[in-house]
């Protein structure tokens, strides 16, 4: 429970704005902003209007996708996009204080089978203190908390600027955050409102997207002995990936020990064959490999390539027709808050404790996020903190607890009052 009487006035006032937060969150969830779809543009257009309506400075610009793709540090992009926009709002300070950025992504993953949902995926149904819908947890609930924190700070006369970056493309590489860094936006600290259950997350693993091309030999299924099934030849490769996964998770950083499998390797898509009565002559498998904290992504790539090569060497057919490994799509390095920037961690922890009366847990996330771009490329000390549980994201009946959205808004407001003073 929050204790508004013990909080600074701007944070305390947010306790009475729960209905307004729910209303805005419902508006955002009802916009189906699946990565690469027109919804990405529509939700940013809606947000730009809302931010201007609060009297904030708004920078909205078209991302030069061709230029960004050609940059050596480009983080990859899986969803096809013909256009995309950057959106940053600024609450200017009076001068001389530290600046703070709130970062939230507006894109969501596809809803999957609508029949698996209790209500339509973009219904924004409210039930039992929860708002349901694709993107409610990951991460429009956190974004609404940031929006209301920024609004609450307008009369606070902070010395440092407060920024809010509403970015696209986080789910498939991070083109939005990469684009705002290329545009020159920086801050002295940043909070990404990914769903952390209101715990403080100063680090996250990386994830690299790969594609495997397995060659077989097509033949009529009635004479399958004359062909070589690409599906059958994929099994030893898949088994090698599972063995590699086990080795890579034997000794992990203390921040990651809450997870049974912090650096997972998974094959999420498999396509093979073109006719049910034929021996499949090719197979394409796509997946991701987790990158450990402080690990060079090149090392993770090399580990997977060597495991695949070893599996091929042990099979007569694959040794003559080795599996081809391709790296494509999102390329998330791991990231962590540098120890020299622990002041941000302490201030956020104290802010949360002031609102809730409890000290939040600290851990590292097993998923990739824009934290690694902000800390690595931008040099901005960054932590993750937001409402909702990551286990509720990307699946049917995704939801965010509305009380956590209010608590997050109060915490972020309290943080800004101390950080930017």
Protein backbone atom coordinates (compact mmCIF):
# COMPACT_ATOMS: atom_id res chain seq x y z
CA UNK A 1 0.00 0.00 0.00
CA UNK A 2 1.20 3.50 -0.77
CA UNK A 3 1.32 6.08 2.00
CA UNK A 4 0.52 9.42 0.30
CA UNK A 5 0.68 11.42 3.53
CA UNK A 6 4.39 10.59 3.79
CA UNK A 7 5.15 11.52 0.19
CA UNK A 8 6.02 14.77 -1.56
CA UNK A 9 2.89 16.52 -2.79
CA UNK A 10 3.30 15.70 -6.54
CA UNK A 11 3.67 11.98 -5.78
CA UNK A 12 0.91 11.93 -3.18
CA UNK A 13 -1.54 13.55 -5.58
CA UNK A 14 -1.19 10.64 -8.00
CA UNK A 15 -3.10 8.38 -5.60
CA UNK A 16 -6.25 10.19 -6.67
CA UNK A 17 -5.58 9.75 -10.39
CA UNK A 18 -5.97 5.99 -10.64
CA UNK A 19 -9.08 6.25 -12.82
CA UNK A 20 -7.37 8.67 -15.20
CA UNK A 21 -4.38 6.30 -15.50
CA UNK A 22 -6.71 3.39 -16.21
CA UNK A 23 -8.49 5.41 -18.88
CA UNK A 24 -5.30 6.36 -20.69
CA UNK A 25 -3.94 2.83 -20.44
CA UNK A 26 -7.14 1.47 -21.96
CA UNK A 27 -6.85 3.94 -24.84
CA UNK A 28 -3.28 2.82 -25.54
CA UNK A 29 -4.01 -0.91 -25.30
CA UNK A 30 -6.92 -0.55 -27.74
CA UNK A 31 -4.45 0.68 -30.36
CA UNK A 32 -2.98 -2.56 -31.80
CA UNK A 33 0.60 -1.31 -32.06
CA UNK A 34 2.17 -4.60 -33.17
CA UNK A 35 5.79 -4.09 -34.20
CA UNK A 36 6.07 -2.92 -37.79
CA UNK A 37 2.32 -2.32 -38.17
CA UNK A 38 0.55 1.02 -38.71
CA UNK A 39 -0.42 0.81 -35.04
CA UNK A 40 3.10 1.84 -34.05
CA UNK A 41 2.56 5.15 -35.84
CA UNK A 42 -1.00 5.51 -34.52
CA UNK A 43 -0.09 5.05 -30.86
CA UNK A 44 2.78 7.54 -31.10
CA UNK A 45 0.49 10.05 -32.79
CA UNK A 46 -1.95 9.62 -29.91
CA UNK A 47 0.84 10.05 -27.35
CA UNK A 48 2.27 13.11 -29.08
CA UNK A 49 -1.13 14.78 -28.84
CA UNK A 50 -1.47 13.86 -25.16
CA UNK A 51 2.01 15.18 -24.34
CA UNK A 52 1.43 18.46 -26.17
CA UNK A 53 -1.85 18.77 -24.28
CA UNK A 54 0.14 18.72 -21.04
CA UNK A 55 2.19 21.70 -22.19
CA UNK A 56 5.38 19.70 -22.68
CA UNK A 57 8.00 20.25 -25.34
CA UNK A 58 7.66 17.49 -27.95
CA UNK A 59 10.25 16.34 -30.48
CA UNK A 60 8.70 14.05 -33.09
CA UNK A 61 10.75 13.11 -36.12
CA UNK A 62 10.89 10.44 -38.84
CA UNK A 63 13.60 7.87 -38.26
CA UNK A 64 15.92 7.54 -41.24
CA UNK A 65 15.78 3.75 -41.36
CA UNK A 66 18.22 3.38 -44.25
CA UNK A 67 20.81 5.53 -42.47
CA UNK A 68 20.32 3.72 -39.16
CA UNK A 69 20.62 0.28 -40.81
CA UNK A 70 23.95 1.34 -42.33
CA UNK A 71 25.38 2.37 -38.96
CA UNK A 72 27.95 -0.05 -37.52
CA UNK A 73 26.18 -0.21 -34.14
CA UNK A 74 22.72 -0.89 -35.55
CA UNK A 75 20.99 -3.36 -33.17
CA UNK A 76 19.01 -5.23 -35.83
CA UNK A 77 15.36 -5.21 -36.80
CA UNK A 78 13.06 -8.16 -37.48
CA UNK A 79 9.72 -6.49 -38.23
CA UNK A 80 9.54 -4.94 -41.72
CA UNK A 81 9.10 -1.17 -41.51
CA UNK A 82 8.76 1.36 -44.31
CA UNK A 83 8.61 4.21 -41.83
CA UNK A 84 9.01 4.82 -38.11
CA UNK A 85 9.03 7.81 -35.83
CA UNK A 86 10.95 9.05 -32.83
CA UNK A 87 9.09 10.76 -29.99
CA UNK A 88 10.67 12.52 -27.00
CA UNK A 89 8.91 14.88 -24.59
CA UNK A 90 10.87 17.29 -22.41
CA UNK A 91 10.01 19.00 -19.15
CA UNK A 92 12.75 21.63 -18.91
CA UNK A 93 14.39 22.26 -15.58
CA UNK A 94 15.43 25.60 -14.17
CA UNK A 95 19.11 24.74 -14.69
CA UNK A 96 22.00 23.19 -12.81
CA UNK A 97 20.42 19.87 -11.85
CA UNK A 98 20.81 16.32 -13.06
CA UNK A 99 18.58 15.23 -15.93
CA UNK A 100 16.45 12.08 -15.93
CA UNK A 101 15.01 10.11 -18.84
CA UNK A 102 12.01 7.83 -18.72
CA UNK A 103 12.09 5.32 -21.59
CA UNK A 104 9.11 3.24 -22.69
CA UNK A 105 8.37 1.26 -25.84
CA UNK A 106 5.02 1.46 -27.61
CA UNK A 107 5.35 -1.64 -29.83
CA UNK A 108 3.83 -4.95 -28.79
CA UNK A 109 4.18 -8.53 -29.98
CA UNK A 110 1.38 -10.14 -32.03
CA UNK A 111 -1.55 -11.44 -29.96
CA UNK A 112 -1.43 -14.98 -31.34
CA UNK A 113 -4.60 -17.08 -31.45
CA UNK A 114 -7.51 -14.82 -30.40
CA UNK A 115 -9.36 -17.93 -29.24
CA UNK A 116 -6.80 -18.43 -26.48
CA UNK A 117 -7.88 -15.12 -24.89
CA UNK A 118 -10.80 -14.77 -22.49
CA UNK A 119 -11.58 -11.42 -24.14
CA UNK A 120 -10.42 -9.96 -27.47
CA UNK A 121 -6.65 -9.25 -27.25
CA UNK A 122 -7.02 -5.47 -27.57
CA UNK A 123 -10.20 -5.08 -25.52
CA UNK A 124 -8.52 -3.43 -22.50
CA UNK A 125 -11.00 -5.24 -20.26
CA UNK A 126 -10.77 -4.26 -16.56
CA UNK A 127 -11.50 -7.03 -14.08
CA UNK A 128 -10.49 -7.58 -10.44
CA UNK A 129 -8.10 -4.64 -10.39
CA UNK A 130 -6.32 -5.72 -13.56
CA UNK A 131 -6.37 -4.37 -17.09
CA UNK A 132 -6.13 -7.09 -19.73
CA UNK A 133 -4.86 -6.84 -23.28
CA UNK A 134 -1.82 -7.27 -25.46
CA UNK A 135 0.80 -4.78 -24.33
CA UNK A 136 -0.88 -3.97 -20.99
CA UNK A 137 2.04 -5.50 -19.10
CA UNK A 138 4.78 -5.17 -21.72
CA UNK A 139 4.85 -2.26 -21.43
CA UNK A 140 2.03 0.22 -21.78
CA UNK A 141 1.29 -0.01 -18.06
CA UNK A 142 4.81 1.19 -17.33
CA UNK A 143 4.55 3.85 -20.01
CA UNK A 144 1.38 5.25 -18.44
CA UNK A 145 3.16 5.40 -15.07
CA UNK A 146 5.92 7.42 -16.74
CA UNK A 147 3.43 9.72 -18.48
CA UNK A 148 1.63 10.55 -15.24
CA UNK A 149 4.91 11.00 -13.36
CA UNK A 150 6.01 13.50 -15.98
CA UNK A 151 2.69 15.32 -15.72
CA UNK A 152 2.90 15.42 -11.92
CA UNK A 153 6.34 17.04 -12.08
CA UNK A 154 5.27 20.06 -14.13
CA UNK A 155 4.88 22.35 -11.11
CA UNK A 156 7.84 20.97 -9.15
CA UNK A 157 10.42 23.51 -10.41
CA UNK A 158 13.10 20.88 -10.81
CA UNK A 159 16.59 22.05 -11.66
CA UNK A 160 17.26 19.18 -14.07
CA UNK A 161 15.32 18.26 -17.21
CA UNK A 162 12.97 15.28 -17.24
CA UNK A 163 12.59 13.49 -20.60
CA UNK A 164 10.17 10.83 -21.75
CA UNK A 165 11.15 8.74 -24.78
CA UNK A 166 8.27 6.81 -26.37
CA UNK A 167 10.12 4.42 -28.67
CA UNK A 168 9.21 1.87 -31.34
CA UNK A 169 10.89 -1.40 -32.23
CA UNK A 170 12.09 -2.52 -28.80
CA UNK A 171 10.62 -5.99 -29.25
CA UNK A 172 12.65 -6.68 -32.41
CA UNK A 173 16.00 -4.97 -31.86
CA UNK A 174 15.67 -1.45 -30.45
CA UNK A 175 15.58 0.81 -33.51
CA UNK A 176 13.60 3.48 -31.62
CA UNK A 177 16.06 3.91 -28.77
CA UNK A 178 18.97 3.62 -31.20
CA UNK A 179 17.40 6.40 -33.27
CA UNK A 180 16.94 8.76 -30.33
CA UNK A 181 20.58 8.26 -29.32
CA UNK A 182 21.64 8.98 -32.91
CA UNK A 183 19.56 12.17 -32.74
CA UNK A 184 21.58 13.25 -29.72
CA UNK A 185 19.17 12.79 -26.83
CA UNK A 186 20.99 12.07 -23.57
CA UNK A 187 20.34 12.27 -19.82
CA UNK A 188 22.30 11.79 -16.61
CA UNK A 189 20.20 8.72 -15.75
CA UNK A 190 17.36 6.66 -17.18
CA UNK A 191 14.59 4.35 -15.99
CA UNK A 192 13.07 1.87 -18.45
CA UNK A 193 9.61 0.85 -17.25
CA UNK A 194 9.77 -2.79 -18.32
CA UNK A 195 7.59 -5.09 -16.18
CA UNK A 196 9.67 -5.96 -13.12
CA UNK A 197 6.91 -6.45 -10.57
CA UNK A 198 8.16 -3.17 -9.03
CA UNK A 199 11.55 -4.71 -8.28
CA UNK A 200 14.72 -2.88 -9.32
CA UNK A 201 16.57 -4.47 -12.23
CA UNK A 202 20.04 -3.04 -12.94
CA UNK A 203 21.09 -5.64 -15.52
CA UNK A 204 19.72 -7.90 -18.20
CA UNK A 205 20.95 -10.72 -20.37
CA UNK A 206 21.24 -10.32 -24.11
CA UNK A 207 19.66 -12.33 -26.90
CA UNK A 208 20.92 -12.97 -30.43
CA UNK A 209 18.60 -14.14 -33.19
CA UNK A 210 19.91 -16.93 -35.42
CA UNK A 211 18.73 -18.90 -38.43
CA UNK A 212 19.88 -22.45 -39.26
CA UNK A 213 19.74 -23.84 -42.80
CA UNK A 214 19.72 -27.65 -42.86
CA UNK A 215 20.14 -29.42 -46.21
CA UNK A 216 18.66 -32.84 -46.95
CA UNK A 217 17.86 -34.64 -50.21
CA UNK A 218 14.28 -34.62 -51.49
CA UNK A 219 12.64 -37.84 -52.67
CA UNK A 220 9.22 -39.46 -52.96
CA UNK A 221 7.98 -40.43 -49.50
CA UNK A 222 7.19 -43.96 -50.75
CA UNK A 223 10.93 -44.39 -51.35
CA UNK A 224 12.19 -42.35 -48.43
CA UNK A 225 15.30 -44.50 -48.17
CA UNK A 226 16.52 -42.86 -51.37
CA UNK A 227 16.34 -39.40 -49.81
CA UNK A 228 17.70 -37.67 -46.72
CA UNK A 229 15.22 -35.97 -44.44
CA UNK A 230 16.28 -32.47 -43.42
CA UNK A 231 13.94 -32.84 -40.42
CA UNK A 232 15.78 -35.95 -39.25
CA UNK A 233 19.15 -34.24 -39.73
CA UNK A 234 17.99 -31.32 -37.60
CA UNK A 235 17.62 -33.49 -34.48
CA UNK A 236 21.35 -33.88 -33.69
CA UNK A 237 21.77 -30.13 -34.15
CA UNK A 238 18.87 -29.40 -31.80
CA UNK A 239 20.33 -31.81 -29.26
CA UNK A 240 23.69 -30.03 -29.50
CA UNK A 241 21.97 -26.71 -28.75
CA UNK A 242 20.36 -28.17 -25.63
CA UNK A 243 23.77 -29.41 -24.46
CA UNK A 244 25.29 -26.01 -25.13
CA UNK A 245 22.50 -24.37 -23.16
CA UNK A 246 23.23 -26.59 -20.15
CA UNK A 247 26.94 -25.72 -20.24
CA UNK A 248 26.27 -21.99 -20.50
CA UNK A 249 24.06 -22.01 -17.41
CA UNK A 250 26.28 -23.89 -14.98
CA UNK A 251 27.93 -20.87 -13.32
CA UNK A 252 26.06 -17.58 -13.58
CA UNK A 253 26.32 -14.09 -12.15
CA UNK A 254 24.67 -13.71 -8.70
CA UNK A 255 22.14 -11.25 -10.14
CA UNK A 256 20.83 -14.01 -12.42
CA UNK A 257 20.54 -16.85 -9.90
CA UNK A 258 16.83 -16.36 -9.29
CA UNK A 259 16.21 -17.87 -12.74
CA UNK A 260 16.49 -21.63 -13.40
CA UNK A 261 17.67 -20.88 -16.95
CA UNK A 262 18.96 -17.31 -17.24
CA UNK A 263 20.62 -17.75 -20.63
CA UNK A 264 18.18 -19.85 -22.60
CA UNK A 265 18.62 -21.15 -26.14
CA UNK A 266 15.37 -21.80 -27.93
CA UNK A 267 14.25 -22.61 -31.45
CA UNK A 268 11.00 -20.75 -31.93
CA UNK A 269 10.24 -21.41 -35.60
CA UNK A 270 10.85 -24.41 -37.88
CA UNK A 271 9.91 -24.61 -41.56
CA UNK A 272 10.56 -27.67 -43.71
CA UNK A 273 9.40 -29.34 -46.88
CA UNK A 274 6.83 -28.36 -49.48
CA UNK A 275 4.73 -31.52 -49.89
CA UNK A 276 3.37 -34.08 -47.42
CA UNK A 277 4.35 -37.03 -49.62
CA UNK A 278 7.95 -35.95 -50.11
CA UNK A 279 11.11 -36.36 -48.09
CA UNK A 280 11.89 -32.78 -47.03
CA UNK A 281 15.03 -31.56 -48.73
CA UNK A 282 15.55 -28.48 -46.60
CA UNK A 283 14.76 -27.09 -43.16
CA UNK A 284 15.06 -23.59 -41.77
CA UNK A 285 15.02 -23.09 -38.00
CA UNK A 286 15.03 -19.73 -36.25
CA UNK A 287 15.74 -19.09 -32.61
CA UNK A 288 17.63 -17.09 -30.02
CA UNK A 289 20.63 -17.62 -27.79
CA UNK A 290 20.95 -15.80 -24.47
CA UNK A 291 24.04 -13.66 -23.90
CA UNK A 292 25.51 -13.73 -20.39
CA UNK A 293 26.16 -10.59 -18.37
CA UNK A 294 29.49 -9.04 -19.42
CA UNK A 295 29.85 -11.53 -22.30
CA UNK A 296 30.94 -10.28 -25.71
CA UNK A 297 28.13 -11.19 -28.14
CA UNK A 298 30.79 -12.44 -30.56
CA UNK A 299 31.71 -15.10 -28.01
CA UNK A 300 28.10 -16.28 -27.78
CA UNK A 301 27.88 -16.47 -31.57
CA UNK A 302 31.10 -18.43 -31.73
CA UNK A 303 29.87 -20.89 -29.07
CA UNK A 304 26.72 -21.66 -31.06
CA UNK A 305 28.58 -21.94 -34.35
CA UNK A 306 31.12 -24.33 -32.83
CA UNK A 307 28.39 -26.52 -31.31
CA UNK A 308 26.57 -26.74 -34.62
CA UNK A 309 29.83 -27.54 -36.41
CA UNK A 310 30.63 -30.30 -33.91
CA UNK A 311 27.19 -31.87 -34.44
CA UNK A 312 27.74 -31.77 -38.19
CA UNK A 313 31.19 -33.33 -37.92
CA UNK A 314 29.71 -36.31 -36.06
CA UNK A 315 27.19 -37.09 -38.82
CA UNK A 316 28.36 -38.40 -42.25
CA UNK A 317 25.67 -36.52 -44.18
CA UNK A 318 26.01 -33.25 -42.24
CA UNK A 319 29.78 -33.35 -42.42
CA UNK A 320 29.45 -33.26 -46.21
CA UNK A 321 26.49 -30.83 -46.11
CA UNK A 322 27.14 -28.66 -43.03
CA UNK A 323 24.38 -26.59 -41.48
CA UNK A 324 24.69 -22.90 -42.32
CA UNK A 325 24.31 -20.45 -39.44
CA UNK A 326 22.96 -16.98 -40.16
CA UNK A 327 22.72 -14.10 -37.68
CA UNK A 328 19.83 -11.78 -38.37
CA UNK A 329 17.11 -9.75 -36.70
CA UNK A 330 17.44 -8.43 -33.16
CA UNK A 331 20.94 -8.55 -31.73
CA UNK A 332 20.70 -7.72 -28.01
CA UNK A 333 23.93 -7.46 -26.09
CA UNK A 334 23.75 -7.93 -22.33
CA UNK A 335 23.85 -4.78 -20.24
CA UNK A 336 24.26 -3.70 -16.66
CA UNK A 337 24.38 -0.54 -14.60
CA UNK A 338 28.07 0.26 -13.93
CA UNK A 339 29.03 0.09 -10.25
CA UNK A 340 30.19 3.71 -10.40
CA UNK A 341 26.58 4.71 -11.12
CA UNK A 342 25.07 2.92 -8.12
CA UNK A 343 23.66 6.24 -6.89
CA UNK A 344 20.76 5.84 -9.30
CA UNK A 345 20.06 2.39 -7.92
CA UNK A 346 20.04 3.70 -4.34
CA UNK A 347 17.82 6.68 -5.15
CA UNK A 348 15.28 4.50 -6.95
CA UNK A 349 15.31 1.99 -4.09
CA UNK A 350 14.68 4.75 -1.55
CA UNK A 351 11.90 6.23 -3.68
CA UNK A 352 10.11 2.89 -3.90
CA UNK A 353 10.50 2.33 -0.16
CA UNK A 354 9.06 5.78 0.53
CA UNK A 355 5.95 4.92 -1.50
CA UNK A 356 5.40 1.31 -0.42
CA UNK A 357 7.16 0.95 2.90
CA UNK A 358 9.26 -1.94 1.62
CA UNK A 359 12.67 -2.33 0.01
CA UNK A 360 12.41 -3.74 -3.52
CA UNK A 361 14.35 -6.81 -4.56
CA UNK A 362 17.21 -6.49 -7.03
CA UNK A 363 17.92 -8.96 -9.81
CA UNK A 364 19.03 -9.31 -13.39
CA UNK A 365 16.53 -9.96 -16.18
CA UNK A 366 16.92 -12.97 -18.51
CA UNK A 367 15.50 -11.03 -21.46
CA UNK A 368 17.02 -8.36 -23.68
CA UNK A 369 15.91 -4.73 -23.50
CA UNK A 370 16.94 -1.23 -24.52
CA UNK A 371 18.95 -0.95 -21.29
CA UNK A 372 22.01 -2.22 -23.15
CA UNK A 373 21.74 0.53 -25.78
CA UNK A 374 21.25 3.27 -23.22
CA UNK A 375 24.14 2.16 -21.03
CA UNK A 376 26.44 0.89 -23.78
CA UNK A 377 26.01 3.26 -26.72
CA UNK A 378 24.49 6.20 -24.88
CA UNK A 379 26.63 6.07 -21.75
CA UNK A 380 23.47 6.69 -19.70
CA UNK A 381 23.20 4.93 -16.31
CA UNK A 382 19.98 2.91 -16.66
CA UNK A 383 17.82 0.62 -14.55
CA UNK A 384 14.54 -1.15 -15.21
CA UNK A 385 11.56 -0.64 -12.92
CA UNK A 386 7.90 -1.01 -13.77
CA UNK A 387 4.52 -2.59 -13.02
CA UNK A 388 3.53 -6.08 -14.05
CA UNK A 389 5.18 -9.49 -14.14
CA UNK A 390 7.21 -10.46 -17.21
CA UNK A 391 5.60 -13.92 -17.04
CA UNK A 392 2.31 -12.25 -18.03
CA UNK A 393 3.83 -10.72 -21.17
CA UNK A 394 3.72 -12.22 -24.70
CA UNK A 395 1.00 -14.72 -23.80
CA UNK A 396 -2.81 -14.85 -23.84
CA UNK A 397 -4.70 -12.90 -21.16
CA UNK A 398 -1.76 -10.56 -20.60
CA UNK A 399 -2.56 -8.11 -17.81
CA UNK A 400 -1.10 -5.47 -15.51
CA UNK A 401 -2.27 -4.79 -11.93
CA UNK A 402 -3.64 -1.24 -11.92
CA UNK A 403 -2.47 -0.58 -8.37
CA UNK A 404 1.09 -1.25 -9.50
CA UNK A 405 0.75 1.35 -12.26
CA UNK A 406 -0.14 3.97 -9.64
CA UNK A 407 2.69 2.87 -7.35
CA UNK A 408 5.18 3.04 -10.22
CA UNK A 409 4.03 6.56 -11.11
CA UNK A 410 4.45 7.67 -7.50
CA UNK A 411 7.89 6.08 -7.26
CA UNK A 412 9.15 7.65 -10.50
CA UNK A 413 7.84 11.04 -9.40
CA UNK A 414 9.61 10.70 -6.03
CA UNK A 415 12.81 9.63 -7.78
CA UNK A 416 12.77 12.68 -10.07
CA UNK A 417 12.21 15.03 -7.11
CA UNK A 418 15.43 13.81 -5.51
CA UNK A 419 17.51 13.07 -8.61
CA UNK A 420 16.82 16.32 -10.49
CA UNK A 421 16.74 18.65 -7.49
